Amino acid sequence: MQRDDEATMETVSILVDVQNIYYTTKQTFGRNFDYNEFWALATKNRKVVNASAYAIDRGDEKQKQFQNILRAIGFEVKLKPFIQRADGSAKGDWDVGITLDAMEYGQTSDTIILVTGDGDFDLLADRLRTKLNSSVEVYGVKKLTATSLIKSASLFIPIESKLLMNRILPGKDNVGTAS
C-alpha cells in the first residue's frame, strides 16, 4: 500500500553522462564528482523513477569498482565498449542512448535531471519541456557547460565544491578549485 506522502511526491529520473562529468570536474577543479552528495541533493523529497549512469567500458578493475559504487548508490550503469580507431581516435558516445531514455523517462517523470555539460542535449531539454511538459534540471560545471544547454533547462545547478570529493587529483593544484 502506497503512503499518501509518497503518492504526492515529485517523480524524478536521473541521467548522468559519466565521461563528461569526470573530465569537466577534473579539468576545472582537479577533483572528482561526489555521486553520493549529488544523489542526496537531487532526490531529497522526491521519488526516483529511473536513475542511469552512462559510461564507457574499458574493462579495468578500478573502473569496475567505480561502477559498483554507482550501482550501490542506486544507479543502473549502462556501458558501451571503448572503441579505439586505427587513426588513434576513440569512440564511446552515449548521446543517442541518453536522448532515447530521457524521452521515455519523461513520460513517467515530473522532472528529468541531466548531469552533463554537453550542448548536444539542448534540443532534448527543449523537447522534454515543450512536448512532455517535464521540468528539466541540468547539473554541470558552469564554465564548461554549453550556454545553449543552460538556457534550455528549467533549472541549472552548477557543480561546485559541495558536489565534489575532497581529494585533489594528481597533477592538479588548487588553481580553479571552488572553495
Foldseek 3Di string as FASTA:
>chain_A
DDDPLQVPFAEEEEEEAQVQQQVQCCVQFLFHFAPLLVLCVVCVSHHYPAYEYEEECPPDDVVVVVCVVCVVSPYDYHYDYWDQDPVRDIDGDCVVVSLVVLVVVLQVGQEYEYEHQDPVCLVSLQCSCPVSVHAYEYEEAVVSHDPSNCVSHNYYDYDADSRTDPDRHPPDDRVSHHD
